[in-house]
Amino acid sequence: MNSNIRLDKIKEKQLIQILLKKRNQKTPQLKQEIKTIKQSLQDDAALEQNNKDYTVLSTDMLLETTHFPKKMTYYQMGKKTVTVNLSDIIANGAYPKSLLLSMALPKKLKLSQFNELIDGILDQCNKYNTTLIGGDLNTSQEIILSATATGKINKEEVWLKTPVNENNLICITGKLGSPAAGFEILKNPEKYENIPKKQDIITSILEPEIPYERFKKLKKYPNLVKCCTDITDGLASELKELKDNNPGYGFDIYEDKIPYNLSIKTISKISKIPLENFLYHFGEEFELLLIIDEKIYENIKNDLNIYVIGSVNKTGIIYLHKKEKTIKLSTTGYEHF
């Protein structure tokens, strides 16, 4: 790749691959690491062995101009910072434990606004039994919140992005599309004054949550989940990520199985944005995308409130089955660059 190319011309996941390749070349001790730890280096969170457990670590940086819609309050900014980081922890099957937070804040920020931001962070930490244990503070032209979350999991129960088997079921923990629709409403509020359940849709983008109760139910069945990721970059992009981590395997996704708020159809028509863009290509969902054992699921499905949207095949292709035809699913998603 041309070394003079600008970063905004390169996809985010390509940049990550460049970093990982360099890291592998410059860190020979990785060859001595335990296999599962090496595998996690390309997952949602990293794993470090700690006796019979893994300490799970993940970090995310949020910028005011990129990650926080203009209508978002300081309290909601704080909440989202925690949600984003804990999402990666539960995507690896771990219970969140602690959070380190570094903040770069404008000098013009008022103390009342700072307190509001901190309240959002602490309230969300408390909601998910997570302790804020430290961090750093600096100044910036805009609000920048960078957190590192930790979790803990028995090494026999960790969820990664592999392996899968043919006929495994593909599931999600909740409805999709609302964050994208909420973002559209915030951009053009005058167009959507009479949309049913409008506030629920807006809340999904301003106050995202992790599916913690459904996560805890899934954890009751240690052999159920084969692999997992969260849907922060959009369903299509995350499906491609799982496919790439499982060479030779593909997926059959059934459009009529995708759950969503029906008001999104109306928003799609008014905005002239295809419904598929809301459901597959936006991200910011924070639901879990799971591949699970079909036989175990059959015996416990009444205890799980999750949605089966497809199954694993051995074609190496992601197919989207619509009512009228079957197509290859476009796998674009949210990119930071």
Protein backbone atom coordinates (compact mmCIF):
# COMPACT_ATOMS: atom_id res chain seq x y z
CA MET A 1 0.00 0.00 0.00
CA ASN A 2 1.23 3.50 -0.88
CA SER A 3 2.74 4.98 2.31
CA ASN A 4 1.64 8.48 1.26
CA ILE A 5 -2.04 7.62 1.14
CA ARG A 6 -4.21 9.58 3.59
CA LEU A 7 -5.92 7.78 6.45
CA ASP A 8 -9.37 8.91 5.31
CA LYS A 9 -8.82 6.83 2.16
CA ILE A 10 -8.23 3.63 4.15
CA LYS A 11 -10.91 1.62 5.90
CA GLU A 12 -10.73 1.38 9.68
CA LYS A 13 -10.39 -2.41 9.70
CA GLN A 14 -7.52 -2.14 7.18
CA LEU A 15 -5.69 0.20 9.56
CA ILE A 16 -6.19 -2.28 12.39
CA GLN A 17 -4.76 -5.05 10.21
CA ILE A 18 -1.69 -2.90 9.43
CA LEU A 19 -1.20 -2.30 13.17
CA LEU A 20 -1.61 -6.01 13.99
CA LYS A 21 0.85 -7.03 11.26
CA LYS A 22 3.48 -4.60 12.55
CA ARG A 23 2.82 -5.68 16.15
CA ASN A 24 3.35 -9.33 15.20
CA GLN A 25 6.60 -8.47 13.39
CA LYS A 26 7.99 -6.31 16.19
CA THR A 27 6.84 -8.43 19.16
CA PRO A 28 8.50 -11.86 18.79
CA GLN A 29 7.48 -12.87 22.31
CA LEU A 30 3.92 -13.27 21.03
CA LYS A 31 5.04 -16.65 19.65
CA GLN A 32 5.43 -17.82 23.22
CA GLU A 33 1.96 -16.70 24.29
CA ILE A 34 -0.84 -19.14 25.02
CA LYS A 35 -2.91 -19.90 21.90
CA THR A 36 -6.16 -18.43 23.23
CA ILE A 37 -4.45 -15.18 24.19
CA LYS A 38 -2.94 -14.90 20.70
CA GLN A 39 -6.37 -15.56 19.19
CA SER A 40 -7.95 -12.80 21.25
CA LEU A 41 -5.54 -10.25 19.79
CA GLN A 42 -7.95 -9.84 16.87
CA ASP A 43 -11.12 -9.98 18.95
CA ASP A 44 -13.37 -7.37 20.61
CA ALA A 45 -11.27 -7.42 23.77
CA ALA A 46 -7.84 -8.77 24.73
CA LEU A 47 -7.30 -11.64 27.17
CA GLU A 48 -4.59 -12.06 29.79
CA GLN A 49 -4.29 -15.28 31.72
CA ASN A 50 -4.77 -14.94 35.46
CA ASN A 51 -4.56 -18.43 37.00
CA LYS A 52 -7.70 -20.28 35.87
CA ASP A 53 -9.34 -17.07 34.65
CA TYR A 54 -8.75 -14.47 31.98
CA THR A 55 -8.63 -10.79 32.70
CA VAL A 56 -10.45 -9.20 29.74
CA LEU A 57 -9.44 -5.70 28.65
CA SER A 58 -10.86 -3.34 26.08
CA THR A 59 -10.39 0.33 25.26
CA ASP A 60 -12.37 2.88 23.25
CA MET A 61 -11.92 6.57 22.54
CA LEU A 62 -14.90 8.86 21.94
CA LEU A 63 -14.63 12.33 20.42
CA GLU A 64 -17.31 14.97 20.83
CA THR A 65 -17.48 15.84 17.11
CA THR A 66 -17.51 12.20 15.96
CA HIS A 67 -19.35 10.10 18.53
CA PHE A 68 -21.76 12.41 20.35
CA PRO A 69 -24.80 13.77 18.46
CA LYS A 70 -25.41 17.49 19.01
CA LYS A 71 -28.59 16.79 21.01
CA MET A 72 -26.72 14.57 23.46
CA THR A 73 -26.41 15.95 26.99
CA TYR A 74 -23.21 15.77 29.03
CA TYR A 75 -24.88 13.16 31.21
CA GLN A 76 -25.63 11.04 28.14
CA MET A 77 -22.03 11.45 26.91
CA GLY A 78 -20.83 9.98 30.18
CA LYS A 79 -23.26 7.08 29.99
CA LYS A 80 -22.32 6.26 26.41
CA THR A 81 -18.61 6.20 27.22
CA VAL A 82 -19.23 3.42 29.73
CA THR A 83 -21.65 1.54 27.47
CA VAL A 84 -19.23 1.45 24.53
CA ASN A 85 -16.43 -0.02 26.64
CA LEU A 86 -18.51 -2.57 28.53
CA SER A 87 -20.05 -3.78 25.28
CA ASP A 88 -16.72 -5.25 24.20
CA ILE A 89 -16.27 -6.93 27.58
CA ILE A 90 -19.58 -8.82 27.49
CA ALA A 91 -18.99 -9.66 23.80
CA ASN A 92 -16.15 -11.87 25.05
CA GLY A 93 -18.44 -13.48 27.61
CA ALA A 94 -16.96 -11.69 30.61
CA TYR A 95 -18.62 -9.82 33.45
CA PRO A 96 -17.45 -6.18 33.65
CA LYS A 97 -15.38 -5.30 36.72
CA SER A 98 -13.64 -1.94 36.45
CA LEU A 99 -13.04 1.13 34.32
CA LEU A 100 -10.10 3.50 33.82
CA LEU A 101 -11.07 6.82 32.26
CA SER A 102 -8.94 9.52 30.64
CA MET A 103 -10.66 12.81 29.81
CA ALA A 104 -9.51 15.73 27.68
CA LEU A 105 -11.89 18.64 28.26
CA PRO A 106 -12.21 22.20 26.93
CA LYS A 107 -11.18 24.91 29.39
CA LYS A 108 -14.48 26.68 28.78
CA LEU A 109 -16.48 23.72 30.13
CA LYS A 110 -18.50 24.72 33.20
CA LEU A 111 -18.23 22.86 36.49
CA SER A 112 -21.95 22.04 36.29
CA GLN A 113 -21.36 20.41 32.90
CA PHE A 114 -18.36 18.50 34.25
CA ASN A 115 -20.47 17.21 37.14
CA GLU A 116 -23.19 16.15 34.72
CA LEU A 117 -20.64 14.22 32.65
CA ILE A 118 -19.23 12.47 35.73
CA ASP A 119 -22.71 11.61 37.00
CA GLY A 120 -23.46 9.88 33.70
CA ILE A 121 -20.25 7.88 33.93
CA LEU A 122 -20.75 6.83 37.55
CA ASP A 123 -24.45 6.04 37.22
CA GLN A 124 -23.78 3.79 34.23
CA CYS A 125 -20.89 2.09 36.03
CA ASN A 126 -23.15 1.40 39.00
CA LYS A 127 -25.88 0.03 36.74
CA TYR A 128 -23.50 -2.64 35.45
CA ASN A 129 -21.64 -3.35 38.71
CA THR A 130 -18.46 -1.73 37.42
CA THR A 131 -16.04 0.35 39.49
CA LEU A 132 -14.33 3.49 38.21
CA ILE A 133 -10.81 2.91 39.57
CA GLY A 134 -8.73 5.72 38.07
CA GLY A 135 -7.76 7.73 35.02
CA ASP A 136 -6.28 10.99 33.81
CA LEU A 137 -7.38 14.53 32.98
CA ASN A 138 -6.10 16.98 30.38
CA THR A 139 -7.30 19.86 28.20
CA SER A 140 -8.44 19.82 24.57
CA GLN A 141 -10.42 21.85 22.06
CA GLU A 142 -13.24 19.30 22.29
CA ILE A 143 -14.40 16.64 24.73
CA ILE A 144 -12.39 13.43 24.33
CA LEU A 145 -13.24 10.47 26.57
CA SER A 146 -10.99 7.43 26.44
CA ALA A 147 -11.74 4.50 28.72
CA THR A 148 -10.28 1.06 29.38
CA ALA A 149 -12.68 -1.52 30.77
CA THR A 150 -11.75 -4.77 32.46
CA GLY A 151 -13.68 -7.94 33.05
CA LYS A 152 -13.08 -11.45 34.33
CA ILE A 153 -14.00 -14.84 32.93
CA ASN A 154 -13.14 -18.50 33.45
CA LYS A 155 -10.84 -19.49 30.59
CA GLU A 156 -13.16 -22.37 29.67
CA GLU A 157 -16.08 -20.00 29.12
CA VAL A 158 -14.57 -17.26 26.96
CA TRP A 159 -16.39 -16.21 23.77
CA LEU A 160 -14.26 -15.42 20.71
CA LYS A 161 -15.06 -14.92 17.02
CA THR A 162 -14.33 -18.56 16.24
CA PRO A 163 -15.03 -21.50 15.90
CA VAL A 164 -18.31 -22.16 14.10
CA ASN A 165 -19.84 -25.30 12.60
CA GLU A 166 -22.27 -25.86 9.77
CA ASN A 167 -25.92 -25.48 10.87
CA ASN A 168 -25.06 -23.43 13.97
CA LEU A 169 -27.66 -20.73 14.52
CA ILE A 170 -27.02 -17.01 14.07
CA CYS A 171 -28.79 -14.89 16.68
CA ILE A 172 -29.04 -11.31 17.96
CA THR A 173 -30.10 -10.12 21.39
CA GLY A 174 -32.41 -7.28 20.33
CA LYS A 175 -34.08 -5.21 17.63
CA LEU A 176 -31.92 -3.40 15.08
CA GLY A 177 -32.11 -0.12 13.19
CA SER A 178 -33.30 2.28 15.86
CA PRO A 179 -29.98 4.13 16.37
CA ALA A 180 -29.73 4.88 12.65
CA ALA A 181 -33.36 6.00 12.59
CA GLY A 182 -32.83 8.09 15.72
CA PHE A 183 -29.87 9.81 14.11
CA GLU A 184 -32.00 10.64 11.06
CA ILE A 185 -34.76 12.10 13.28
CA LEU A 186 -32.24 14.27 15.12
CA LYS A 187 -30.88 15.59 11.81
CA ASN A 188 -34.33 16.38 10.35
CA PRO A 189 -36.82 16.63 13.26
CA GLU A 190 -39.43 18.57 11.27
CA LYS A 191 -39.94 15.58 8.94
CA TYR A 192 -40.82 13.14 11.69
CA GLU A 193 -43.16 14.93 14.09
CA ASN A 194 -45.86 12.23 13.98
CA ILE A 195 -43.74 9.07 14.04
CA PRO A 196 -45.06 6.45 16.53
CA LYS A 197 -42.62 5.54 19.32
CA LYS A 198 -40.37 8.38 18.16
CA GLN A 199 -38.91 8.99 21.61
CA ASP A 200 -37.92 5.33 22.00
CA ILE A 201 -36.05 5.55 18.71
CA ILE A 202 -34.28 8.78 19.71
CA THR A 203 -33.35 7.33 23.10
CA SER A 204 -31.61 4.41 21.37
CA ILE A 205 -29.02 6.77 19.85
CA LEU A 206 -28.73 9.17 22.82
CA GLU A 207 -28.72 6.59 25.62
CA PRO A 208 -27.54 3.22 24.25
CA GLU A 209 -27.47 0.26 26.63
CA ILE A 210 -25.85 -3.17 26.59
CA PRO A 211 -28.20 -6.20 26.67
CA TYR A 212 -27.00 -7.15 30.14
CA GLU A 213 -29.99 -9.20 31.31
CA ARG A 214 -29.98 -11.32 28.15
CA PHE A 215 -26.22 -11.67 28.45
CA LYS A 216 -26.60 -13.05 31.99
CA LYS A 217 -29.17 -15.58 30.78
CA LEU A 218 -26.85 -16.75 28.01
CA LYS A 219 -24.12 -17.24 30.60
CA LYS A 220 -26.27 -19.84 32.36
CA TYR A 221 -25.49 -22.24 29.51
CA PRO A 222 -21.66 -22.50 29.18
CA ASN A 223 -21.63 -24.58 25.96
CA LEU A 224 -24.33 -22.68 24.10
CA VAL A 225 -22.37 -19.80 22.55
CA LYS A 226 -19.81 -20.77 19.90
CA CYS A 227 -18.67 -17.23 19.11
CA CYS A 228 -19.82 -13.67 19.64
CA THR A 229 -19.27 -10.01 18.81
CA ASP A 230 -21.21 -6.82 19.39
CA ILE A 231 -22.92 -4.94 16.56
CA THR A 232 -21.27 -1.56 17.01
CA ASP A 233 -20.17 -1.38 13.34
CA GLY A 234 -23.42 -2.65 11.80
CA LEU A 235 -24.81 -6.16 11.33
CA ALA A 236 -23.36 -6.63 7.82
CA SER A 237 -19.87 -5.56 8.84
CA GLU A 238 -19.89 -7.77 11.94
CA LEU A 239 -21.11 -10.79 9.94
CA LYS A 240 -18.18 -10.29 7.57
CA GLU A 241 -15.83 -10.12 10.56
CA LEU A 242 -17.13 -13.46 11.82
CA LYS A 243 -16.92 -14.97 8.34
CA ASP A 244 -13.33 -13.78 7.92
CA ASN A 245 -12.42 -15.42 11.25
CA ASN A 246 -13.94 -18.72 10.09
CA PRO A 247 -12.53 -19.47 6.61
CA GLY A 248 -14.71 -21.68 4.43
CA TYR A 249 -17.89 -20.85 6.29
CA GLY A 250 -20.69 -18.52 5.24
CA PHE A 251 -24.08 -17.49 6.54
CA ASP A 252 -27.73 -17.64 5.49
CA ILE A 253 -29.53 -14.57 6.85
CA TYR A 254 -33.31 -14.32 6.55
CA GLU A 255 -34.63 -10.80 6.18
CA ASP A 256 -38.05 -11.61 7.62
CA LYS A 257 -36.35 -12.77 10.84
CA ILE A 258 -34.60 -9.43 11.51
CA PRO A 259 -36.44 -7.70 14.39
CA TYR A 260 -36.94 -3.91 14.25
CA ASN A 261 -39.28 -1.14 15.34
CA LEU A 262 -41.90 -0.92 12.57
CA SER A 263 -41.78 2.89 12.68
CA ILE A 264 -38.41 2.60 10.95
CA LYS A 265 -40.25 1.62 7.76
CA THR A 266 -42.04 4.97 7.83
CA ILE A 267 -38.78 6.81 8.48
CA SER A 268 -37.23 4.92 5.57
CA LYS A 269 -40.01 6.02 3.22
CA ILE A 270 -39.91 9.67 4.31
CA SER A 271 -36.12 9.90 4.17
CA LYS A 272 -35.83 7.80 0.99
CA ILE A 273 -33.05 5.88 2.74
CA PRO A 274 -33.37 2.13 2.06
CA LEU A 275 -34.57 0.10 5.03
CA GLU A 276 -31.48 -2.11 4.61
CA ASN A 277 -29.23 0.83 5.49
CA PHE A 278 -30.97 1.22 8.85
CA LEU A 279 -30.88 -2.50 9.66
CA TYR A 280 -27.52 -3.67 8.30
CA HIS A 281 -25.08 -0.83 7.72
CA PHE A 282 -25.20 1.83 10.46
CA GLY A 283 -24.02 0.30 13.70
CA GLU A 284 -24.12 1.88 17.18
CA GLU A 285 -26.46 -0.97 18.14
CA PHE A 286 -24.62 -2.55 21.12
CA GLU A 287 -26.67 -5.72 20.75
CA LEU A 288 -24.77 -9.01 20.63
CA LEU A 289 -24.38 -11.07 17.47
CA LEU A 290 -24.07 -14.71 18.49
CA ILE A 291 -23.45 -18.03 16.80
CA ILE A 292 -24.85 -20.77 18.99
CA ASP A 293 -25.17 -24.55 19.13
CA GLU A 294 -28.46 -25.47 17.48
CA LYS A 295 -29.02 -28.65 19.51
CA ILE A 296 -28.51 -27.00 22.90
CA TYR A 297 -30.72 -24.08 21.83
CA GLU A 298 -33.60 -26.38 20.94
CA ASN A 299 -33.80 -27.60 24.54
CA ILE A 300 -33.58 -24.17 26.23
CA LYS A 301 -35.02 -21.69 23.72
CA ASN A 302 -38.03 -20.86 25.90
CA ASP A 303 -35.64 -19.55 28.55
CA LEU A 304 -33.85 -17.20 26.14
CA ASN A 305 -35.27 -13.99 24.77
CA ILE A 306 -33.09 -13.81 21.65
CA TYR A 307 -33.80 -13.71 17.92
CA VAL A 308 -32.63 -16.42 15.50
CA ILE A 309 -31.93 -14.70 12.16
CA GLY A 310 -30.07 -17.39 10.21
CA SER A 311 -27.61 -20.27 10.18
CA VAL A 312 -24.06 -21.18 9.23
CA ASN A 313 -23.32 -22.75 5.83
CA LYS A 314 -20.12 -23.95 4.14
CA THR A 315 -20.23 -21.71 1.06
CA GLY A 316 -17.90 -18.97 2.31
CA ILE A 317 -20.60 -16.46 1.30
CA ILE A 318 -23.09 -14.36 3.30
CA TYR A 319 -26.50 -14.74 1.68
CA LEU A 320 -29.44 -12.49 2.46
CA HIS A 321 -32.74 -14.25 1.77
CA LYS A 322 -35.46 -11.77 0.86
CA LYS A 323 -39.08 -12.62 0.10
CA GLU A 324 -38.59 -12.30 -3.64
CA LYS A 325 -34.93 -13.28 -4.11
CA THR A 326 -31.63 -14.26 -2.51
CA ILE A 327 -28.65 -11.90 -2.77
CA LYS A 328 -25.11 -11.62 -1.43
CA LEU A 329 -25.18 -9.25 1.53
CA SER A 330 -23.16 -6.08 1.07
CA THR A 331 -20.81 -5.97 4.03
CA THR A 332 -20.12 -2.27 4.43
CA GLY A 333 -20.50 -0.79 7.90
CA TYR A 334 -19.52 2.13 10.12
CA GLU A 335 -15.96 3.38 9.64
CA HIS A 336 -14.05 5.89 11.78
CA PHE A 337 -11.96 7.01 8.78
